[in-house]
Amino acid sequence: MTDIPTSSAAQAWRLKQPYGWRTLLVLAALFVFAAVSAERMQFDRMLNQIGDFAFASVGLKEDSQIGRGMGGVFQDMFPIAIAERRPVELIEHFDETNLPLFSHVETVRVDQSSLDPDTLQMNTITVEKAYLVEPVGYLVYVLGKMVETIEIAAWASLIAILFSLPLAWLCAGNYSPHPIVYGAARSLVSFFRAVPELISALFLVLAFGFGPIAGILALTLHSIGFLAKFYAEDIESADTGPQEALKAAGANDFTILRLAVLPQVLPSYTGLSFYILDRNIRMATVIGLVGAGGIGQELKGRFDMFQYDRVGTILLVIFLTVMALDLISARFRRDIV
């Protein structure tokens, strides 16, 4: 027969409480910190402005600061700009007999004011000006800049993957050859991850000048810090059964990694690699603001000149590119898994 526990043993058994007085103190401290921080971060102002915008949207209020600030921008953003119209005199080596595809020259009469040096009076005369009109010229230009952005992101991602794979081996606690090597590799990866791409791009632009080289290097360094960390964590969390079997058979560390670890972590590595490519494409638009190549420089220039119709074109191209990449990466992950 099964022994029935005595009443004293049953009374001695107690279910451990998941929350205690220490947990309550921590929660109270977090609540106080959140209240103080919310006041410093002007959460009350933010909620008031969002409330005013919501009331104005349904007609319960005349207008709001958010509506005034963003309404004009979105109104000027659409319809987006597709065509390009440039004065002929500003185009170097212009050849009217060899025009771009689908383009044409348009001549218009404009009034031009000038100061008469004899009478010191302003005279207005009508002159003819020629413009090169390209129906899809600006869209083609933006697509070219987007291709450059994708190239920057692709090269940065590829170089980061190639450097992160061996670095992940040094950062994995169960495969690193020595604790000093492990600590040094982890510190290097943390440093790469701690420096934002925009900050490193600023210094790299000073070193390499304006252009895609600074963008590629800035994205590469930060991507190595991200990928090497998560690659190493996947190695550490891989199932140890196949590894122990190969180790018992006399396989070395590299063989174990190739045959027992890589098949387990390959789906995760694929997802991380596509994520970093997607992220680098978006970040390449940001570092372009400081002259590191790509579409970001064009975006900043058009925004500074208040040409919001062209800003809308750039944002739409970026959105469609990221969405297309997401669909491709999802299909590729399904094939790998």
C-alpha atoms as a PDB file:
ATOM      1  CA  MET A   1       0.000   0.000   0.000  1.00  0.00           C
ATOM      2  CA  THR A   2       1.027   3.530  -0.623  1.00  0.00           C
ATOM      3  CA  ASP A   3       2.087   5.413   2.453  1.00  0.00           C
ATOM      4  CA  ILE A   4      -0.271   8.242   3.347  1.00  0.00           C
ATOM      5  CA  PRO A   5       1.615  11.353   4.482  1.00  0.00           C
ATOM      6  CA  THR A   6       1.107  12.273   8.077  1.00  0.00           C
ATOM      7  CA  SER A   7      -0.773  15.406   9.039  1.00  0.00           C
ATOM      8  CA  SER A   8       2.405  17.031  10.372  1.00  0.00           C
ATOM      9  CA  ALA A   9       4.162  16.494   7.025  1.00  0.00           C
ATOM     10  CA  ALA A  10       1.163  17.895   5.163  1.00  0.00           C
ATOM     11  CA  GLN A  11       1.143  20.961   7.385  1.00  0.00           C
ATOM     12  CA  ALA A  12       4.887  21.442   6.851  1.00  0.00           C
ATOM     13  CA  TRP A  13       4.449  21.571   3.078  1.00  0.00           C
ATOM     14  CA  ARG A  14       3.718  25.059   1.822  1.00  0.00           C
ATOM     15  CA  LEU A  15       3.315  26.409  -1.718  1.00  0.00           C
ATOM     16  CA  LYS A  16       5.961  29.037  -2.343  1.00  0.00           C
ATOM     17  CA  GLN A  17       4.335  32.388  -2.937  1.00  0.00           C
ATOM     18  CA  PRO A  18       5.292  33.879  -6.311  1.00  0.00           C
ATOM     19  CA  TYR A  19       5.165  37.409  -4.921  1.00  0.00           C
ATOM     20  CA  GLY A  20       6.472  38.653  -1.635  1.00  0.00           C
ATOM     21  CA  TRP A  21       7.077  41.925   0.179  1.00  0.00           C
ATOM     22  CA  ARG A  22      10.292  42.487  -1.786  1.00  0.00           C
ATOM     23  CA  THR A  23       8.397  42.244  -5.053  1.00  0.00           C
ATOM     24  CA  LEU A  24       5.860  44.757  -3.777  1.00  0.00           C
ATOM     25  CA  LEU A  25       8.653  47.157  -2.806  1.00  0.00           C
ATOM     26  CA  VAL A  26      10.248  46.843  -6.243  1.00  0.00           C
ATOM     27  CA  LEU A  27       6.899  47.470  -7.947  1.00  0.00           C
ATOM     28  CA  ALA A  28       6.253  50.498  -5.734  1.00  0.00           C
ATOM     29  CA  ALA A  29       9.700  51.906  -6.535  1.00  0.00           C
ATOM     30  CA  LEU A  30       9.116  51.353 -10.255  1.00  0.00           C
ATOM     31  CA  PHE A  31       5.748  53.096 -10.014  1.00  0.00           C
ATOM     32  CA  VAL A  32       7.296  56.129  -8.306  1.00  0.00           C
ATOM     33  CA  PHE A  33      10.109  56.248 -10.874  1.00  0.00           C
ATOM     34  CA  ALA A  34       7.612  55.980 -13.744  1.00  0.00           C
ATOM     35  CA  ALA A  35       5.506  58.810 -12.299  1.00  0.00           C
ATOM     36  CA  VAL A  36       8.519  61.124 -11.915  1.00  0.00           C
ATOM     37  CA  SER A  37       9.898  60.186 -15.343  1.00  0.00           C
ATOM     38  CA  ALA A  38       6.518  60.681 -17.046  1.00  0.00           C
ATOM     39  CA  GLU A  39       6.356  64.223 -15.684  1.00  0.00           C
ATOM     40  CA  ARG A  40       9.896  64.969 -16.867  1.00  0.00           C
ATOM     41  CA  MET A  41       9.131  63.516 -20.299  1.00  0.00           C
ATOM     42  CA  GLN A  42       6.016  65.743 -20.582  1.00  0.00           C
ATOM     43  CA  PHE A  43       3.540  62.879 -20.885  1.00  0.00           C
ATOM     44  CA  ASP A  44       0.725  65.184 -19.767  1.00  0.00           C
ATOM     45  CA  ARG A  45       1.466  67.542 -22.676  1.00  0.00           C
ATOM     46  CA  MET A  46       1.612  64.638 -25.101  1.00  0.00           C
ATOM     47  CA  LEU A  47      -1.735  63.240 -23.942  1.00  0.00           C
ATOM     48  CA  ASN A  48      -3.345  66.681 -24.145  1.00  0.00           C
ATOM     49  CA  GLN A  49      -2.135  67.202 -27.708  1.00  0.00           C
ATOM     50  CA  ILE A  50      -3.279  63.723 -28.764  1.00  0.00           C
ATOM     51  CA  GLY A  51      -6.668  64.386 -27.161  1.00  0.00           C
ATOM     52  CA  ASP A  52      -6.998  67.723 -28.958  1.00  0.00           C
ATOM     53  CA  PHE A  53      -6.123  66.024 -32.249  1.00  0.00           C
ATOM     54  CA  ALA A  54      -8.697  63.288 -31.653  1.00  0.00           C
ATOM     55  CA  PHE A  55     -11.432  65.840 -30.836  1.00  0.00           C
ATOM     56  CA  ALA A  56     -10.497  67.936 -33.885  1.00  0.00           C
ATOM     57  CA  SER A  57     -10.631  64.839 -36.105  1.00  0.00           C
ATOM     58  CA  VAL A  58     -14.261  64.148 -35.176  1.00  0.00           C
ATOM     59  CA  GLY A  59     -15.280  67.813 -35.304  1.00  0.00           C
ATOM     60  CA  LEU A  60     -15.515  68.461 -31.573  1.00  0.00           C
ATOM     61  CA  LYS A  61     -12.741  71.039 -31.724  1.00  0.00           C
ATOM     62  CA  GLU A  62     -11.706  73.538 -34.364  1.00  0.00           C
ATOM     63  CA  ASP A  63      -8.058  72.556 -34.748  1.00  0.00           C
ATOM     64  CA  SER A  64      -5.066  71.140 -32.911  1.00  0.00           C
ATOM     65  CA  GLN A  65      -1.305  71.619 -32.879  1.00  0.00           C
ATOM     66  CA  ILE A  66      -0.743  68.180 -34.388  1.00  0.00           C
ATOM     67  CA  GLY A  67      -3.220  68.897 -37.154  1.00  0.00           C
ATOM     68  CA  ARG A  68      -1.656  72.260 -37.954  1.00  0.00           C
ATOM     69  CA  GLY A  69       1.853  70.847 -37.909  1.00  0.00           C
ATOM     70  CA  MET A  70       1.257  67.751 -40.023  1.00  0.00           C
ATOM     71  CA  GLY A  71      -1.716  68.794 -42.113  1.00  0.00           C
ATOM     72  CA  GLY A  72       0.211  71.137 -44.366  1.00  0.00           C
ATOM     73  CA  VAL A  73       3.037  68.640 -44.843  1.00  0.00           C
ATOM     74  CA  PHE A  74       0.730  65.800 -45.899  1.00  0.00           C
ATOM     75  CA  GLN A  75      -1.272  68.127 -48.102  1.00  0.00           C
ATOM     76  CA  ASP A  76       1.875  69.187 -49.967  1.00  0.00           C
ATOM     77  CA  MET A  77       3.177  65.610 -50.116  1.00  0.00           C
ATOM     78  CA  PHE A  78       0.426  64.410 -52.472  1.00  0.00           C
ATOM     79  CA  PRO A  79       0.338  63.987 -55.377  1.00  0.00           C
ATOM     80  CA  ILE A  80       3.901  62.716 -55.295  1.00  0.00           C
ATOM     81  CA  ALA A  81       6.463  63.988 -57.801  1.00  0.00           C
ATOM     82  CA  ILE A  82       7.334  61.685 -60.682  1.00  0.00           C
ATOM     83  CA  ALA A  83       8.411  64.040 -63.470  1.00  0.00           C
ATOM     84  CA  GLU A  84      11.585  66.111 -63.618  1.00  0.00           C
ATOM     85  CA  ARG A  85      11.764  69.586 -65.193  1.00  0.00           C
ATOM     86  CA  ARG A  86      15.152  71.256 -65.487  1.00  0.00           C
ATOM     87  CA  PRO A  87      16.322  74.430 -67.247  1.00  0.00           C
ATOM     88  CA  VAL A  88      18.392  73.570 -70.285  1.00  0.00           C
ATOM     89  CA  GLU A  89      21.104  76.110 -69.460  1.00  0.00           C
ATOM     90  CA  LEU A  90      21.853  74.258 -66.212  1.00  0.00           C
ATOM     91  CA  ILE A  91      22.442  70.912 -67.933  1.00  0.00           C
ATOM     92  CA  GLU A  92      26.074  70.281 -68.843  1.00  0.00           C
ATOM     93  CA  HIS A  93      26.768  69.134 -72.406  1.00  0.00           C
ATOM     94  CA  PHE A  94      23.104  69.345 -73.340  1.00  0.00           C
ATOM     95  CA  ASP A  95      22.396  67.910 -76.773  1.00  0.00           C
ATOM     96  CA  GLU A  96      18.906  68.554 -78.102  1.00  0.00           C
ATOM     97  CA  THR A  97      19.373  65.845 -80.739  1.00  0.00           C
ATOM     98  CA  ASN A  98      20.088  63.191 -78.110  1.00  0.00           C
ATOM     99  CA  LEU A  99      17.395  63.498 -75.472  1.00  0.00           C
ATOM    100  CA  PRO A 100      16.672  60.911 -72.752  1.00  0.00           C
ATOM    101  CA  LEU A 101      13.909  58.388 -73.418  1.00  0.00           C
ATOM    102  CA  PHE A 102      10.354  59.815 -73.342  1.00  0.00           C
ATOM    103  CA  SER A 103      11.667  63.332 -72.642  1.00  0.00           C
ATOM    104  CA  HIS A 104      11.106  66.522 -74.587  1.00  0.00           C
ATOM    105  CA  VAL A 105      12.115  70.173 -74.591  1.00  0.00           C
ATOM    106  CA  GLU A 106       9.500  72.684 -73.539  1.00  0.00           C
ATOM    107  CA  THR A 107       9.846  76.408 -74.268  1.00  0.00           C
ATOM    108  CA  VAL A 108       7.944  78.913 -72.164  1.00  0.00           C
ATOM    109  CA  ARG A 109       7.810  82.697 -72.063  1.00  0.00           C
ATOM    110  CA  VAL A 110       8.551  84.216 -68.677  1.00  0.00           C
ATOM    111  CA  ASP A 111       8.760  87.767 -67.393  1.00  0.00           C
ATOM    112  CA  GLN A 112      12.181  88.759 -66.143  1.00  0.00           C
ATOM    113  CA  SER A 113      12.924  91.944 -64.196  1.00  0.00           C
ATOM    114  CA  SER A 114      16.258  93.731 -64.386  1.00  0.00           C
ATOM    115  CA  LEU A 115      17.684  97.093 -63.285  1.00  0.00           C
ATOM    116  CA  ASP A 116      18.360  99.639 -66.020  1.00  0.00           C
ATOM    117  CA  PRO A 117      21.754 101.198 -65.132  1.00  0.00           C
ATOM    118  CA  ASP A 118      20.938 104.425 -66.985  1.00  0.00           C
ATOM    119  CA  THR A 119      17.543 105.184 -65.473  1.00  0.00           C
ATOM    120  CA  LEU A 120      18.006 103.148 -62.285  1.00  0.00           C
ATOM    121  CA  GLN A 121      14.522 101.751 -62.788  1.00  0.00           C
ATOM    122  CA  MET A 122      13.327  98.173 -62.892  1.00  0.00           C
ATOM    123  CA  ASN A 123      12.383  96.999 -66.362  1.00  0.00           C
ATOM    124  CA  THR A 124      10.403  93.852 -67.091  1.00  0.00           C
ATOM    125  CA  ILE A 125      11.032  92.004 -70.298  1.00  0.00           C
ATOM    126  CA  THR A 126       9.649  88.746 -71.653  1.00  0.00           C
ATOM    127  CA  VAL A 127      12.194  86.070 -72.469  1.00  0.00           C
ATOM    128  CA  GLU A 128      11.956  82.497 -73.638  1.00  0.00           C
ATOM    129  CA  LYS A 129      13.343  79.703 -71.493  1.00  0.00           C
ATOM    130  CA  ALA A 130      13.806  76.101 -72.511  1.00  0.00           C
ATOM    131  CA  TYR A 131      13.227  73.241 -70.063  1.00  0.00           C
ATOM    132  CA  LEU A 132      14.000  69.555 -70.393  1.00  0.00           C
ATOM    133  CA  VAL A 133      10.886  67.682 -69.279  1.00  0.00           C
ATOM    134  CA  GLU A 134      11.271  64.019 -68.291  1.00  0.00           C
ATOM    135  CA  PRO A 135       7.866  62.459 -67.467  1.00  0.00           C
ATOM    136  CA  VAL A 136       9.342  59.868 -65.096  1.00  0.00           C
ATOM    137  CA  GLY A 137      12.733  61.481 -64.601  1.00  0.00           C
ATOM    138  CA  TYR A 138      12.546  62.033 -60.856  1.00  0.00           C
ATOM    139  CA  LEU A 139      11.137  58.576 -60.185  1.00  0.00           C
ATOM    140  CA  VAL A 140      14.007  57.018 -62.152  1.00  0.00           C
ATOM    141  CA  TYR A 141      16.494  59.143 -60.192  1.00  0.00           C
ATOM    142  CA  VAL A 142      15.004  58.068 -56.851  1.00  0.00           C
ATOM    143  CA  LEU A 143      15.030  54.416 -57.923  1.00  0.00           C
ATOM    144  CA  GLY A 144      18.719  54.799 -58.765  1.00  0.00           C
ATOM    145  CA  LYS A 145      19.389  56.198 -55.297  1.00  0.00           C
ATOM    146  CA  MET A 146      17.383  53.352 -53.791  1.00  0.00           C
ATOM    147  CA  VAL A 147      19.505  50.826 -55.686  1.00  0.00           C
ATOM    148  CA  GLU A 148      22.599  52.518 -54.247  1.00  0.00           C
ATOM    149  CA  THR A 149      21.074  52.256 -50.766  1.00  0.00           C
ATOM    150  CA  ILE A 150      20.361  48.545 -51.261  1.00  0.00           C
ATOM    151  CA  GLU A 151      23.939  48.014 -52.452  1.00  0.00           C
ATOM    152  CA  ILE A 152      25.288  49.743 -49.325  1.00  0.00           C
ATOM    153  CA  ALA A 153      23.062  47.610 -47.090  1.00  0.00           C
ATOM    154  CA  ALA A 154      23.812  44.368 -48.969  1.00  0.00           C
ATOM    155  CA  TRP A 155      27.590  44.816 -48.836  1.00  0.00           C
ATOM    156  CA  ALA A 156      27.452  45.813 -45.161  1.00  0.00           C
ATOM    157  CA  SER A 157      25.306  42.775 -44.329  1.00  0.00           C
ATOM    158  CA  LEU A 158      27.499  40.373 -46.307  1.00  0.00           C
ATOM    159  CA  ILE A 159      30.743  41.602 -44.720  1.00  0.00           C
ATOM    160  CA  ALA A 160      29.128  41.549 -41.279  1.00  0.00           C
ATOM    161  CA  ILE A 161      27.963  37.938 -41.747  1.00  0.00           C
ATOM    162  CA  LEU A 162      31.419  36.801 -42.871  1.00  0.00           C
ATOM    163  CA  PHE A 163      33.099  38.416 -39.854  1.00  0.00           C
ATOM    164  CA  SER A 164      30.383  37.423 -37.361  1.00  0.00           C
ATOM    165  CA  LEU A 165      30.551  33.684 -38.050  1.00  0.00           C
ATOM    166  CA  PRO A 166      34.111  33.173 -36.724  1.00  0.00           C
ATOM    167  CA  LEU A 167      33.633  35.861 -34.090  1.00  0.00           C
ATOM    168  CA  ALA A 168      30.555  34.025 -32.784  1.00  0.00           C
ATOM    169  CA  TRP A 169      32.728  30.957 -32.190  1.00  0.00           C
ATOM    170  CA  LEU A 170      35.038  33.057 -30.003  1.00  0.00           C
ATOM    171  CA  CYS A 171      32.036  34.579 -28.187  1.00  0.00           C
ATOM    172  CA  ALA A 172      30.397  31.208 -27.435  1.00  0.00           C
ATOM    173  CA  GLY A 173      31.281  30.159 -23.906  1.00  0.00           C
ATOM    174  CA  ASN A 174      31.210  26.434 -24.704  1.00  0.00           C
ATOM    175  CA  TYR A 175      33.575  26.693 -27.704  1.00  0.00           C
ATOM    176  CA  SER A 176      35.797  29.712 -27.062  1.00  0.00           C
ATOM    177  CA  PRO A 177      39.416  28.522 -26.771  1.00  0.00           C
ATOM    178  CA  HIS A 178      40.212  30.535 -23.617  1.00  0.00           C
ATOM    179  CA  PRO A 179      38.384  32.760 -21.085  1.00  0.00           C
ATOM    180  CA  ILE A 180      40.587  35.718 -22.019  1.00  0.00           C
ATOM    181  CA  VAL A 181      39.711  35.267 -25.692  1.00  0.00           C
ATOM    182  CA  TYR A 182      36.051  34.960 -24.726  1.00  0.00           C
ATOM    183  CA  GLY A 183      36.139  38.186 -22.694  1.00  0.00           C
ATOM    184  CA  ALA A 184      38.013  40.109 -25.383  1.00  0.00           C
ATOM    185  CA  ALA A 185      35.644  38.940 -28.136  1.00  0.00           C
ATOM    186  CA  ARG A 186      32.568  39.774 -26.083  1.00  0.00           C
ATOM    187  CA  SER A 187      33.955  43.226 -25.257  1.00  0.00           C
ATOM    188  CA  LEU A 188      34.685  43.948 -28.916  1.00  0.00           C
ATOM    189  CA  VAL A 189      31.187  42.860 -29.959  1.00  0.00           C
ATOM    190  CA  SER A 190      29.619  44.986 -27.218  1.00  0.00           C
ATOM    191  CA  PHE A 191      31.630  48.013 -28.360  1.00  0.00           C
ATOM    192  CA  PHE A 192      30.484  47.615 -31.975  1.00  0.00           C
ATOM    193  CA  ARG A 193      26.892  47.308 -30.816  1.00  0.00           C
ATOM    194  CA  ALA A 194      27.102  50.258 -28.418  1.00  0.00           C
ATOM    195  CA  VAL A 195      28.179  52.802 -31.051  1.00  0.00           C
ATOM    196  CA  PRO A 196      25.167  53.900 -33.159  1.00  0.00           C
ATOM    197  CA  GLU A 197      25.571  53.804 -36.928  1.00  0.00           C
ATOM    198  CA  LEU A 198      24.916  57.526 -37.240  1.00  0.00           C
ATOM    199  CA  ILE A 199      27.770  58.379 -34.856  1.00  0.00           C
ATOM    200  CA  SER A 200      30.255  56.033 -36.515  1.00  0.00           C
ATOM    201  CA  ALA A 201      29.163  57.330 -39.930  1.00  0.00           C
ATOM    202  CA  LEU A 202      30.035  60.875 -38.851  1.00  0.00           C
ATOM    203  CA  PHE A 203      33.622  59.848 -38.036  1.00  0.00           C
ATOM    204  CA  LEU A 204      33.944  57.613 -41.090  1.00  0.00           C
ATOM    205  CA  VAL A 205      32.797  60.427 -43.379  1.00  0.00           C
ATOM    206  CA  LEU A 206      35.637  62.515 -41.975  1.00  0.00           C
ATOM    207  CA  ALA A 207      38.070  59.661 -42.663  1.00  0.00           C
ATOM    208  CA  PHE A 208      36.849  58.448 -46.076  1.00  0.00           C
ATOM    209  CA  GLY A 209      34.904  61.453 -47.357  1.00  0.00           C
ATOM    210  CA  PHE A 210      31.324  61.607 -48.587  1.00  0.00           C
ATOM    211  CA  GLY A 211      30.019  58.528 -50.328  1.00  0.00           C
ATOM    212  CA  PRO A 212      29.015  54.901 -49.849  1.00  0.00           C
ATOM    213  CA  ILE A 213      32.319  53.710 -48.300  1.00  0.00           C
ATOM    214  CA  ALA A 214      31.545  55.416 -44.983  1.00  0.00           C
ATOM    215  CA  GLY A 215      28.002  54.046 -45.054  1.00  0.00           C
ATOM    216  CA  ILE A 216      29.123  50.470 -45.701  1.00  0.00           C
ATOM    217  CA  LEU A 217      31.679  50.533 -42.885  1.00  0.00           C
ATOM    218  CA  ALA A 218      29.319  52.177 -40.389  1.00  0.00           C
ATOM    219  CA  LEU A 219      26.595  49.614 -41.002  1.00  0.00           C
ATOM    220  CA  THR A 220      29.108  46.745 -41.022  1.00  0.00           C
ATOM    221  CA  LEU A 221      30.528  47.556 -37.589  1.00  0.00           C
ATOM    222  CA  HIS A 222      27.148  47.804 -35.902  1.00  0.00           C
ATOM    223  CA  SER A 223      25.859  44.698 -37.695  1.00  0.00           C
ATOM    224  CA  ILE A 224      28.833  42.665 -36.470  1.00  0.00           C
ATOM    225  CA  GLY A 225      28.014  43.683 -32.911  1.00  0.00           C
ATOM    226  CA  PHE A 226      24.439  42.515 -33.392  1.00  0.00           C
ATOM    227  CA  LEU A 227      24.994  39.309 -35.375  1.00  0.00           C
ATOM    228  CA  ALA A 228      28.001  37.955 -33.463  1.00  0.00           C
ATOM    229  CA  LYS A 229      26.127  38.237 -30.164  1.00  0.00           C
ATOM    230  CA  PHE A 230      23.042  36.361 -31.334  1.00  0.00           C
ATOM    231  CA  TYR A 231      25.005  33.848 -33.411  1.00  0.00           C
ATOM    232  CA  ALA A 232      27.002  32.990 -30.263  1.00  0.00           C
ATOM    233  CA  GLU A 233      23.869  32.664 -28.140  1.00  0.00           C
ATOM    234  CA  ASP A 234      22.394  30.232 -30.690  1.00  0.00           C
ATOM    235  CA  ILE A 235      25.564  28.133 -30.492  1.00  0.00           C
ATOM    236  CA  GLU A 236      25.391  28.085 -26.692  1.00  0.00           C
ATOM    237  CA  SER A 237      21.713  27.080 -26.648  1.00  0.00           C
ATOM    238  CA  ALA A 238      21.973  24.333 -29.305  1.00  0.00           C
ATOM    239  CA  ASP A 239      21.005  20.784 -28.292  1.00  0.00           C
ATOM    240  CA  THR A 240      24.024  19.112 -26.662  1.00  0.00           C
ATOM    241  CA  GLY A 241      23.033  15.538 -27.524  1.00  0.00           C
ATOM    242  CA  PRO A 242      24.421  15.445 -31.088  1.00  0.00           C
ATOM    243  CA  GLN A 243      27.485  17.402 -29.937  1.00  0.00           C
ATOM    244  CA  GLU A 244      28.299  14.928 -27.175  1.00  0.00           C
ATOM    245  CA  ALA A 245      27.848  12.005 -29.575  1.00  0.00           C
ATOM    246  CA  LEU A 246      30.342  13.445 -32.067  1.00  0.00           C
ATOM    247  CA  LYS A 247      32.728  14.384 -29.272  1.00  0.00           C
ATOM    248  CA  ALA A 248      32.625  10.826 -27.978  1.00  0.00           C
ATOM    249  CA  ALA A 249      33.451   9.618 -31.497  1.00  0.00           C
ATOM    250  CA  GLY A 250      36.602  11.774 -31.465  1.00  0.00           C
ATOM    251  CA  ALA A 251      35.449  14.709 -33.609  1.00  0.00           C
ATOM    252  CA  ASN A 252      37.147  18.077 -33.133  1.00  0.00           C
ATOM    253  CA  ASP A 253      35.357  21.319 -32.317  1.00  0.00           C
ATOM    254  CA  PHE A 254      35.137  22.476 -35.929  1.00  0.00           C
ATOM    255  CA  THR A 255      33.574  19.186 -37.034  1.00  0.00           C
ATOM    256  CA  ILE A 256      31.096  19.334 -34.170  1.00  0.00           C
ATOM    257  CA  LEU A 257      30.139  22.878 -35.081  1.00  0.00           C
ATOM    258  CA  ARG A 258      29.707  21.951 -38.743  1.00  0.00           C
ATOM    259  CA  LEU A 259      27.763  18.708 -38.293  1.00  0.00           C
ATOM    260  CA  ALA A 260      25.925  19.064 -34.970  1.00  0.00           C
ATOM    261  CA  VAL A 261      25.477  22.811 -34.355  1.00  0.00           C
ATOM    262  CA  LEU A 262      25.129  24.426 -37.790  1.00  0.00           C
ATOM    263  CA  PRO A 263      22.074  22.365 -38.886  1.00  0.00           C
ATOM    264  CA  GLN A 264      20.302  23.421 -35.678  1.00  0.00           C
ATOM    265  CA  VAL A 265      21.095  27.126 -35.878  1.00  0.00           C
ATOM    266  CA  LEU A 266      20.822  27.569 -39.663  1.00  0.00           C
ATOM    267  CA  PRO A 267      17.117  28.628 -39.637  1.00  0.00           C
ATOM    268  CA  SER A 268      17.828  31.151 -36.878  1.00  0.00           C
ATOM    269  CA  TYR A 269      20.942  32.406 -38.678  1.00  0.00           C
ATOM    270  CA  THR A 270      18.923  32.857 -41.863  1.00  0.00           C
ATOM    271  CA  GLY A 271      16.247  34.873 -40.075  1.00  0.00           C
ATOM    272  CA  LEU A 272      18.830  37.038 -38.315  1.00  0.00           C
ATOM    273  CA  SER A 273      20.726  37.656 -41.549  1.00  0.00           C
ATOM    274  CA  PHE A 274      17.603  38.749 -43.403  1.00  0.00           C
ATOM    275  CA  TYR A 275      16.593  40.920 -40.465  1.00  0.00           C
ATOM    276  CA  ILE A 276      19.949  42.674 -40.463  1.00  0.00           C
ATOM    277  CA  LEU A 277      19.668  43.239 -44.219  1.00  0.00           C
ATOM    278  CA  ASP A 278      16.185  44.713 -43.773  1.00  0.00           C
ATOM    279  CA  ARG A 279      17.440  46.876 -40.910  1.00  0.00           C
ATOM    280  CA  ASN A 280      20.502  48.017 -42.833  1.00  0.00           C
ATOM    281  CA  ILE A 281      18.358  49.151 -45.757  1.00  0.00           C
ATOM    282  CA  ARG A 282      16.339  51.323 -43.392  1.00  0.00           C
ATOM    283  CA  MET A 283      19.426  52.558 -41.545  1.00  0.00           C
ATOM    284  CA  ALA A 284      21.197  53.320 -44.832  1.00  0.00           C
ATOM    285  CA  THR A 285      18.541  55.961 -45.437  1.00  0.00           C
ATOM    286  CA  VAL A 286      19.379  57.498 -42.051  1.00  0.00           C
ATOM    287  CA  ILE A 287      23.165  57.575 -42.334  1.00  0.00           C
ATOM    288  CA  GLY A 288      22.731  59.154 -45.750  1.00  0.00           C
ATOM    289  CA  LEU A 289      21.662  62.269 -43.861  1.00  0.00           C
ATOM    290  CA  VAL A 290      25.297  62.826 -42.842  1.00  0.00           C
ATOM    291  CA  GLY A 291      26.675  62.206 -46.343  1.00  0.00           C
ATOM    292  CA  ALA A 292      27.302  58.451 -46.142  1.00  0.00           C
ATOM    293  CA  GLY A 293      25.679  57.742 -49.512  1.00  0.00           C
ATOM    294  CA  GLY A 294      22.300  56.348 -50.460  1.00  0.00           C
ATOM    295  CA  ILE A 295      18.871  57.867 -50.683  1.00  0.00           C
ATOM    296  CA  GLY A 296      19.093  59.579 -47.289  1.00  0.00           C
ATOM    297  CA  GLN A 297      21.040  62.530 -48.623  1.00  0.00           C
ATOM    298  CA  GLU A 298      18.404  63.130 -51.297  1.00  0.00           C
ATOM    299  CA  LEU A 299      15.666  62.860 -48.654  1.00  0.00           C
ATOM    300  CA  LYS A 300      17.334  65.419 -46.407  1.00  0.00           C
ATOM    301  CA  GLY A 301      17.951  67.845 -49.271  1.00  0.00           C
ATOM    302  CA  ARG A 302      14.339  67.742 -50.458  1.00  0.00           C
ATOM    303  CA  PHE A 303      13.030  68.058 -46.917  1.00  0.00           C
ATOM    304  CA  ASP A 304      15.243  71.082 -46.235  1.00  0.00           C
ATOM    305  CA  MET A 305      13.895  72.724 -49.405  1.00  0.00           C
ATOM    306  CA  PHE A 306      10.280  71.965 -48.341  1.00  0.00           C
ATOM    307  CA  GLN A 307       9.695  69.908 -51.489  1.00  0.00           C
ATOM    308  CA  TYR A 308       7.318  67.540 -49.775  1.00  0.00           C
ATOM    309  CA  ASP A 309       5.975  66.060 -53.020  1.00  0.00           C
ATOM    310  CA  ARG A 310       9.450  64.679 -53.681  1.00  0.00           C
ATOM    311  CA  VAL A 311       9.748  63.593 -50.047  1.00  0.00           C
ATOM    312  CA  GLY A 312       6.550  61.599 -50.582  1.00  0.00           C
ATOM    313  CA  THR A 313       8.082  59.891 -53.622  1.00  0.00           C
ATOM    314  CA  ILE A 314      11.186  58.920 -51.640  1.00  0.00           C
ATOM    315  CA  LEU A 315       9.196  57.590 -48.679  1.00  0.00           C
ATOM    316  CA  LEU A 316       6.943  55.557 -50.965  1.00  0.00           C
ATOM    317  CA  VAL A 317       9.926  53.959 -52.723  1.00  0.00           C
ATOM    318  CA  ILE A 318      11.521  53.121 -49.363  1.00  0.00           C
ATOM    319  CA  PHE A 319       8.281  51.560 -48.104  1.00  0.00           C
ATOM    320  CA  LEU A 320       7.775  49.444 -51.223  1.00  0.00           C
ATOM    321  CA  THR A 321      11.407  48.281 -51.119  1.00  0.00           C
ATOM    322  CA  VAL A 322      11.209  47.185 -47.484  1.00  0.00           C
ATOM    323  CA  MET A 323       7.878  45.435 -48.086  1.00  0.00           C
ATOM    324  CA  ALA A 324       9.256  43.579 -51.127  1.00  0.00           C
ATOM    325  CA  LEU A 325      12.317  42.518 -49.155  1.00  0.00           C
ATOM    326  CA  ASP A 326      10.101  41.239 -46.344  1.00  0.00           C
ATOM    327  CA  LEU A 327       8.114  39.071 -48.779  1.00  0.00           C
ATOM    328  CA  ILE A 328      11.304  37.688 -50.355  1.00  0.00           C
ATOM    329  CA  SER A 329      12.895  36.913 -46.992  1.00  0.00           C
ATOM    330  CA  ALA A 330       9.722  35.187 -45.740  1.00  0.00           C
ATOM    331  CA  ARG A 331       9.666  32.971 -48.841  1.00  0.00           C
ATOM    332  CA  PHE A 332      13.354  32.186 -48.483  1.00  0.00           C
ATOM    333  CA  ARG A 333      12.978  31.282 -44.784  1.00  0.00           C
ATOM    334  CA  ARG A 334      10.137  28.890 -45.628  1.00  0.00           C
ATOM    335  CA  ASP A 335      12.377  27.135 -48.158  1.00  0.00           C
ATOM    336  CA  ILE A 336      15.245  26.884 -45.670  1.00  0.00           C
ATOM    337  CA  VAL A 337      13.133  25.634 -42.758  1.00  0.00           C
END
